[in-house]
Amino acid sequence: MVKRDLYLNRIIPLIDNELIKVITGIRRCGKSYMLGLIKNELINRGIDDDHIILINFESAKYRNVSNARELDLLIESLVENVDGKVYLFFDEIQNVDGWEKSINACRVDWDCDICITGSNSKLLSGELATHLTGRYFEVKMYPFSFKEFLDYKQQSSSEELFNEYVEYGGFPQLFSLNDEDKLKYLHDLFNSILYNDLISRYQIRDVNILERLIIFLMDNVGKTFSAKSISDYLKQEEHVKIAPKTIYNYIDYFTNSLLIKKVQRENVEGKEILKIHEKYYVTDHGFNQVFNGRNLTNVSRTIENIVYVELLREGYDVTVGKIGDFEIDFVAKKHKSKVYIQVTYSLSSDETIEREFRPLLKVKDNYPKYVISTDKFDFSQEGVIHQNLIDFLVNGLKY
């Protein structure tokens, strides 16, 4: 059993707090499991089981609850005979139209503590955020980190386990499957997200173009490009005509479903956010391997993807840095701290070392600067810290 303390430790201090706890994350990253952990914590505190109400909107049991009025009636039937405080858990609540109204009403009408989960990044952009400014706390959840993967395996770090994690990613249900079934699981999960969270939700008719676009994004993880450059490529190479505006809309759908992460570029010297040529990463790198196979080029991009998501797990806001004609893979900010990070598979030549260190050496502030690679030899120089990738994933950034 993996306790997932990274997330649990953010939520437990808020139990019996009036703040609504909101857990967002891609499908099958472990949100339902997290609700179970929180429920166990309540029971360990002496809360009676009948005071804890968990509603999973992906269950056939609640399939008839499709709008706010039906949800109001359901909640009332479950709560009215409970004497004292009730703990309300709503899993995948975005499946109910107008759910925000019901959640706000619960807060007003009942003595309750509320926790909700959802698989859409726009969960807090509507009426809930409007009515509950300052009254909710969001926890962004991700599939297993490498450290959690080791916890699940109950083993210490090894090259073999790291290679398995790089190849298949971190979805919790994967690890009890054989290799063939792992690939099938990833394919099935991807199709579930594609059809349930994209095609059905946004009523997309041209599924072929949508699939071609997502495969293009996954094949170009970590590269900068614009919607127009994607449009030109698909027209020339795939003989598919799609307008840049449509591409922007589809990419928004991908990011809303939490399948893809968009990373903006930042002028390191001028501090402004640049408006064009973003980078894109996958929320779980296992999807990269499903579509692109395993070769050195893709492994390099996958490693960059892994580092990016690890920074998000640790609560950093991440941009891509631009300084003069050079690019820094990640500028990561948290509270008042900032770090600059370059990621590469291996510092295998003098040319590679110069390429990775040079952009960081051009940054003149005193924030920490890192090059992360799979190399075990320490290549640190001129104040730039070199760190082994596995060490970073297990122990965090070294100072």
Foldseek 3Di string as FASTA:
>chain_A
DQLPCLQVVVCVVCVLPQAEEEEEEFPLQQPVVNVVSVLVVVVVVVDDPLLEDADECVDPVCVVQAELVSVLVVVCVSPVPDPDEHEYEYEQVVNHHHVLVNVVVCSVPGRYHHYYYHQFPCPCVDDNCVVQVVRYDYDYTAFDFLQSVCVVVVHDDDPVSVVVCLQAWGRPVQPVDDPVVSLVVLVVSVVCLCVVQPCVVVVDDCSVVLVVLVLVLLVQALWWDALVVVQVCCCVPVVDHDDSVVSVVSVSSCVRSVQKDWAWEAELVVRDTDDGGIGMAGSILSNSCSSPNDDQVSSFSSLLNSVVNLLVSVPWRWHWYDYPPATFSIWTDDDHAIETEAEGADPPDPVSVCNRCVVVVVDPDDHAYEYEYQDPDWPDDDRHGYDYSVCCSNPNDDD
